[in-house]
Amino acid sequence: MINNLQDTVILNNGVKMPGFGLGVYKVEDGDTVVHSVKTAIKHGYRSIDTASFYDNERGVGQGIRESGVSREELFITSKVWNDQQGYDSTLQAFEQSLEKLGLDYLDLYLIHWPVSGKYHETWKALEKLYQDGQVRAIGVSNFHVHHLKSLIENSSVTPVIDQVEYHPHLTQEKLKDFCTRENIQLEAWSPLKRGRLLNEPVITEIAQKYQKSAAQVILRWDVQNDVVTIPKSIHEHRINENADIFDFSLTGEEMLRISELNLNDRSGSNPDDF
C-alpha cells in the first residue's frame, strides 16, 4: 500500500509506477488541460494519464514541459484508440501520441478497449514498442478476465496493468482476484463514479468521522485495496484535496462496509458490449 503521493507500486516487469495520479478524460485541450497538469505536478503528482481519444495530448505535453519537473521524475500514460487498433496502425498511433506529447518515450501504453478480432494484433505492436525501448511498460484497459486469459495465452509479455472502471458500486472482485494471481496491477478509472457516490450515506458517515470529504474516503478505499487510482479534476483545490488522503486510515470494518455497497453497476460501457 502506498503511504504518500510519490510512493510507487512495482509492476510485473520491475518498473515503478506512482500509486496515485491525475486522469484527464474529457479535460479540454489547451489552457484547461495545461493548467490541470501543471497544478497537479506542483502539488506533488508524478503520474499523468491521457489517451489519444481524449484529444488533449498536446496540452498534456505542454503542461509537462512548463511544470519545471524533469521528464525522468514523471510517469506518463497514453492509450491507443479503437479505430487505430491492429499491428501497423497501432505503431502509427503510438508515434502520433509521442509527437503530440512532445516526448521521446512513454512510461506506459495501453490498449484502450478490447476490440474483438483486433486486440491480439494490437498487443503484438505494443510488445514491439516495449522490446524496442520506446515504452517502459505495456498494459490494457477495460479488459475482462476472459480477454486477459486470451491475451496471456497468446503472447510473450503479460500486461502490467488493467485499467478499469472501479469504485464501491463496481468492486470487480473476480477481476481483481485474477489480476492479483497473475501479478497484473489493477488501476481505477472513474473512481468516484462520475460524482454519483458522493452522497452515499455509508461514505458520508465515514467521511464525517475523519473530517474528510466523501471523495477522499473513496480514494483512500482504493489505496487500501492496493488499486492505483487516477481521479480527474480541473480545479486546484480539488486536485489538492483528492491527494490529501495519506493522513488517515480506514478500519477493516469500514473497508468492508464500503465494499458491500457493490451493485455491479457501471457508469461507463461494459467491455463486452462496447
Protein backbone atom coordinates (compact mmCIF):
# COMPACT_ATOMS: atom_id res chain seq x y z
CA MET A 1 0.00 0.00 0.00
CA ILE A 2 1.28 3.48 -0.84
CA ASN A 3 1.79 5.96 2.00
CA ASN A 4 2.28 9.24 0.14
CA LEU A 5 1.75 10.86 -3.23
CA GLN A 6 5.15 9.90 -4.60
CA ASP A 7 5.01 6.29 -3.39
CA THR A 8 5.16 3.70 -6.16
CA VAL A 9 3.91 0.23 -6.92
CA ILE A 10 6.29 -2.17 -8.64
CA LEU A 11 4.83 -3.51 -11.89
CA ASN A 12 5.45 -7.09 -13.01
CA ASN A 13 8.39 -6.01 -15.21
CA GLY A 14 10.10 -4.18 -12.33
CA VAL A 15 9.10 -0.66 -13.40
CA LYS A 16 7.95 1.60 -10.57
CA MET A 17 4.68 3.48 -11.09
CA PRO A 18 3.17 6.10 -8.77
CA GLY A 19 0.17 4.63 -6.97
CA PHE A 20 -1.84 7.84 -7.40
CA GLY A 21 -2.12 10.16 -10.39
CA LEU A 22 -4.15 12.62 -12.43
CA GLY A 23 -6.59 11.48 -15.10
CA VAL A 24 -7.50 13.94 -17.86
CA TYR A 25 -10.51 12.27 -19.54
CA LYS A 26 -12.80 14.94 -21.04
CA VAL A 27 -10.45 17.75 -19.97
CA GLU A 28 -10.42 20.30 -22.79
CA ASP A 29 -7.17 20.65 -24.70
CA GLY A 30 -5.32 23.94 -24.47
CA ASP A 31 -5.20 26.13 -21.36
CA THR A 32 -7.54 23.93 -19.30
CA VAL A 33 -5.53 20.73 -19.51
CA VAL A 34 -2.19 22.59 -19.37
CA HIS A 35 -3.33 24.19 -16.10
CA SER A 36 -4.57 20.86 -14.67
CA VAL A 37 -1.30 19.06 -15.43
CA LYS A 38 0.90 21.89 -14.11
CA THR A 39 -1.24 22.24 -10.98
CA ALA A 40 -1.14 18.52 -10.24
CA ILE A 41 2.64 18.34 -10.69
CA LYS A 42 3.05 21.44 -8.50
CA HIS A 43 1.11 19.67 -5.73
CA GLY A 44 3.30 16.56 -5.94
CA TYR A 45 1.57 14.38 -8.51
CA ARG A 46 4.02 12.49 -10.70
CA SER A 47 1.67 10.33 -12.81
CA ILE A 48 -0.46 11.74 -15.66
CA ASP A 49 -2.90 9.53 -17.58
CA THR A 50 -4.13 10.56 -21.03
CA ALA A 51 -5.17 8.85 -24.29
CA SER A 52 -5.36 9.65 -27.98
CA PHE A 53 -9.17 9.56 -27.66
CA TYR A 54 -9.10 12.37 -25.08
CA ASP A 55 -7.75 14.70 -27.79
CA ASN A 56 -5.65 16.60 -25.26
CA GLU A 57 -2.18 15.05 -25.61
CA ARG A 58 -0.70 18.31 -26.95
CA GLY A 59 -1.86 20.22 -23.90
CA VAL A 60 -0.66 17.47 -21.57
CA GLY A 61 2.77 17.66 -23.19
CA GLN A 62 2.83 21.44 -22.82
CA GLY A 63 1.88 21.13 -19.15
CA ILE A 64 4.71 18.65 -18.61
CA ARG A 65 7.25 20.96 -20.27
CA GLU A 66 6.07 24.00 -18.32
CA SER A 67 5.94 22.17 -14.97
CA GLY A 68 9.63 22.60 -14.25
CA VAL A 69 9.90 18.96 -13.20
CA SER A 70 12.29 16.73 -15.15
CA ARG A 71 10.81 14.15 -17.51
CA GLU A 72 12.53 11.32 -15.62
CA GLU A 73 10.56 12.16 -12.46
CA LEU A 74 7.23 11.81 -14.25
CA PHE A 75 5.20 8.77 -15.29
CA ILE A 76 3.18 9.38 -18.46
CA THR A 77 0.49 7.02 -19.77
CA SER A 78 -1.40 7.09 -23.07
CA LYS A 79 -3.65 4.65 -24.92
CA VAL A 80 -4.39 3.50 -28.45
CA TRP A 81 -8.00 4.12 -29.51
CA ASN A 82 -10.29 1.52 -31.07
CA ASP A 83 -10.24 2.78 -34.67
CA GLN A 84 -6.42 2.64 -34.69
CA GLN A 85 -6.09 -0.91 -33.43
CA GLY A 86 -4.24 -3.55 -35.46
CA TYR A 87 -0.47 -4.00 -35.82
CA ASP A 88 0.69 -1.29 -38.21
CA SER A 89 -1.97 1.25 -37.26
CA THR A 90 -1.09 0.89 -33.56
CA LEU A 91 2.57 1.61 -34.28
CA GLN A 92 1.45 4.72 -36.19
CA ALA A 93 -0.91 5.72 -33.37
CA PHE A 94 1.93 5.46 -30.86
CA GLU A 95 4.14 7.74 -32.98
CA GLN A 96 1.30 10.25 -33.24
CA SER A 97 0.83 10.24 -29.46
CA LEU A 98 4.55 10.73 -28.88
CA GLU A 99 4.62 13.61 -31.38
CA LYS A 100 1.60 15.34 -29.79
CA LEU A 101 3.00 14.90 -26.30
CA GLY A 102 6.44 16.05 -27.45
CA LEU A 103 8.10 13.13 -25.68
CA ASP A 104 10.83 10.66 -26.63
CA TYR A 105 9.19 7.73 -24.84
CA LEU A 106 6.15 6.77 -22.78
CA ASP A 107 6.21 5.13 -19.38
CA LEU A 108 3.04 3.15 -20.04
CA TYR A 109 1.00 2.47 -23.19
CA LEU A 110 -2.37 0.75 -23.02
CA ILE A 111 -4.92 -0.84 -25.34
CA HIS A 112 -7.94 1.34 -24.57
CA TRP A 113 -10.67 -1.28 -25.15
CA PRO A 114 -10.58 -4.96 -26.17
CA VAL A 115 -11.74 -4.59 -29.78
CA SER A 116 -12.85 -8.06 -30.87
CA GLY A 117 -10.64 -9.56 -33.56
CA LYS A 118 -8.11 -6.77 -33.23
CA TYR A 119 -6.63 -6.64 -29.75
CA HIS A 120 -4.21 -9.55 -30.23
CA GLU A 121 -2.57 -7.81 -33.20
CA THR A 122 -2.60 -4.55 -31.27
CA TRP A 123 -0.82 -6.27 -28.40
CA LYS A 124 1.88 -7.58 -30.76
CA ALA A 125 2.54 -3.95 -31.73
CA LEU A 126 2.77 -2.98 -28.05
CA GLU A 127 5.23 -5.84 -27.48
CA LYS A 128 7.40 -4.47 -30.31
CA LEU A 129 7.31 -0.96 -28.87
CA TYR A 130 8.29 -2.39 -25.48
CA GLN A 131 11.09 -4.52 -26.89
CA ASP A 132 12.39 -1.52 -28.88
CA GLY A 133 12.54 0.57 -25.70
CA GLN A 134 10.01 3.16 -26.81
CA VAL A 135 7.77 2.45 -23.83
CA ARG A 136 8.81 1.27 -20.37
CA ALA A 137 5.70 -0.85 -19.73
CA ILE A 138 2.61 -2.02 -21.62
CA GLY A 139 -0.86 -2.89 -20.43
CA VAL A 140 -4.56 -2.87 -21.15
CA SER A 141 -7.71 -1.03 -20.20
CA ASN A 142 -11.27 -2.31 -19.83
CA PHE A 143 -10.32 -5.98 -20.21
CA HIS A 144 -12.46 -8.65 -18.55
CA VAL A 145 -10.89 -11.87 -17.22
CA HIS A 146 -11.63 -13.74 -20.47
CA HIS A 147 -9.86 -11.04 -22.51
CA LEU A 148 -6.83 -11.20 -20.22
CA LYS A 149 -6.68 -15.00 -20.34
CA SER A 150 -6.79 -14.99 -24.13
CA LEU A 151 -4.08 -12.34 -24.33
CA ILE A 152 -1.77 -14.09 -21.84
CA GLU A 153 -2.15 -17.45 -23.61
CA ASN A 154 -1.21 -15.93 -26.97
CA SER A 155 1.63 -13.57 -26.13
CA SER A 156 5.08 -13.45 -24.61
CA VAL A 157 4.52 -10.37 -22.41
CA THR A 158 1.91 -10.23 -19.65
CA PRO A 159 0.20 -6.83 -19.28
CA VAL A 160 1.49 -4.86 -16.31
CA ILE A 161 -1.85 -3.15 -15.73
CA ASP A 162 -5.57 -3.47 -16.36
CA GLN A 163 -7.16 -0.03 -16.04
CA VAL A 164 -10.88 -0.48 -15.48
CA GLU A 165 -13.93 1.21 -14.05
CA TYR A 166 -13.64 0.56 -10.34
CA HIS A 167 -15.48 2.10 -7.39
CA PRO A 168 -17.67 1.00 -4.44
CA HIS A 169 -20.63 0.29 -6.77
CA LEU A 170 -18.40 -1.84 -9.05
CA THR A 171 -15.82 -3.71 -6.97
CA GLN A 172 -14.85 -6.17 -9.74
CA GLU A 173 -13.84 -8.86 -7.20
CA LYS A 174 -13.32 -11.69 -9.72
CA LEU A 175 -11.21 -9.48 -11.97
CA LYS A 176 -9.25 -8.14 -9.00
CA ASP A 177 -8.54 -11.68 -7.75
CA PHE A 178 -7.43 -12.81 -11.21
CA CYS A 179 -5.13 -9.80 -11.61
CA THR A 180 -3.62 -10.45 -8.18
CA ARG A 181 -2.88 -14.08 -9.13
CA GLU A 182 -1.33 -13.05 -12.46
CA ASN A 183 0.60 -10.11 -10.95
CA ILE A 184 -1.30 -7.57 -13.06
CA GLN A 185 -1.82 -4.25 -11.28
CA LEU A 186 -5.44 -3.07 -11.17
CA GLU A 187 -5.96 0.63 -11.84
CA ALA A 188 -9.22 2.54 -11.34
CA TRP A 189 -10.75 4.96 -13.77
CA SER A 190 -13.86 6.84 -12.65
CA PRO A 191 -13.08 6.04 -9.00
CA LEU A 192 -15.84 8.41 -7.87
CA LYS A 193 -18.38 7.04 -10.38
CA ARG A 194 -18.52 10.48 -12.01
CA GLY A 195 -19.63 12.02 -8.71
CA ARG A 196 -22.55 9.65 -8.19
CA LEU A 197 -21.11 8.16 -4.99
CA LEU A 198 -20.56 11.38 -3.10
CA ASN A 199 -23.94 11.30 -1.31
CA GLU A 200 -23.83 7.60 -0.43
CA PRO A 201 -24.83 7.56 3.31
CA VAL A 202 -22.23 4.98 4.41
CA ILE A 203 -19.47 7.02 2.77
CA THR A 204 -20.67 10.40 4.10
CA GLU A 205 -20.92 8.94 7.61
CA ILE A 206 -17.33 7.68 7.47
CA ALA A 207 -16.19 10.98 5.95
CA GLN A 208 -17.74 12.87 8.86
CA LYS A 209 -15.86 10.70 11.37
CA TYR A 210 -12.48 11.53 9.81
CA GLN A 211 -13.40 15.11 8.85
CA LYS A 212 -12.69 14.23 5.23
CA SER A 213 -14.74 14.56 2.04
CA ALA A 214 -16.66 11.62 0.58
CA ALA A 215 -14.25 11.68 -2.37
CA GLN A 216 -11.27 11.38 -0.04
CA VAL A 217 -12.81 8.36 1.70
CA ILE A 218 -13.44 6.60 -1.62
CA LEU A 219 -9.90 7.32 -2.87
CA ARG A 220 -8.49 6.10 0.45
CA TRP A 221 -10.52 2.88 -0.01
CA ASP A 222 -8.83 2.47 -3.42
CA VAL A 223 -5.37 2.95 -1.94
CA GLN A 224 -6.00 0.49 0.89
CA ASN A 225 -7.25 -2.03 -1.67
CA ASP A 226 -3.88 -1.66 -3.47
CA VAL A 227 -5.60 -0.24 -6.54
CA VAL A 228 -3.81 2.53 -8.46
CA THR A 229 -6.17 5.44 -8.90
CA ILE A 230 -6.28 8.49 -11.21
CA PRO A 231 -9.08 10.91 -10.26
CA LYS A 232 -9.76 13.74 -12.67
CA SER A 233 -10.17 17.40 -11.78
CA ILE A 234 -9.50 20.77 -13.36
CA HIS A 235 -9.80 22.73 -10.09
CA GLU A 236 -6.71 23.36 -7.97
CA HIS A 237 -8.44 22.90 -4.61
CA ARG A 238 -9.93 19.58 -5.75
CA ILE A 239 -6.66 18.32 -7.25
CA ASN A 240 -5.02 19.09 -3.91
CA GLU A 241 -7.89 17.65 -1.87
CA ASN A 242 -8.01 14.40 -3.84
CA ALA A 243 -4.41 13.70 -2.93
CA ASP A 244 -4.82 14.61 0.75
CA ILE A 245 -5.63 11.04 1.79
CA PHE A 246 -2.44 9.89 3.44
CA ASP A 247 -3.07 11.20 6.97
CA PHE A 248 -5.84 8.76 7.93
CA SER A 249 -6.66 5.05 7.56
CA LEU A 250 -9.96 3.23 7.22
CA THR A 251 -10.55 0.34 9.60
CA GLY A 252 -11.12 -3.18 8.30
CA GLU A 253 -14.80 -2.83 9.15
CA GLU A 254 -15.09 0.45 7.25
CA MET A 255 -13.34 -1.04 4.23
CA LEU A 256 -15.85 -3.90 4.27
CA ARG A 257 -18.85 -1.58 4.66
CA ILE A 258 -17.73 0.40 1.61
CA SER A 259 -17.09 -2.76 -0.42
CA GLU A 260 -20.56 -4.04 0.48
CA LEU A 261 -22.04 -1.10 -1.44
CA ASN A 262 -21.24 -3.06 -4.62
CA LEU A 263 -24.12 -3.17 -7.13
CA ASN A 264 -22.12 -4.35 -10.16
CA ASP A 265 -23.28 -1.05 -11.62
CA ARG A 266 -21.28 0.78 -14.31
CA SER A 267 -21.23 4.46 -15.20
CA GLY A 268 -19.48 3.56 -18.48
CA SER A 269 -19.81 0.79 -21.06
CA ASN A 270 -19.44 -2.92 -20.46
CA PRO A 271 -16.34 -4.00 -22.43
CA ASP A 272 -18.27 -6.97 -23.85
CA ASP A 273 -20.86 -4.65 -25.40
CA PHE A 274 -18.67 -1.69 -26.33
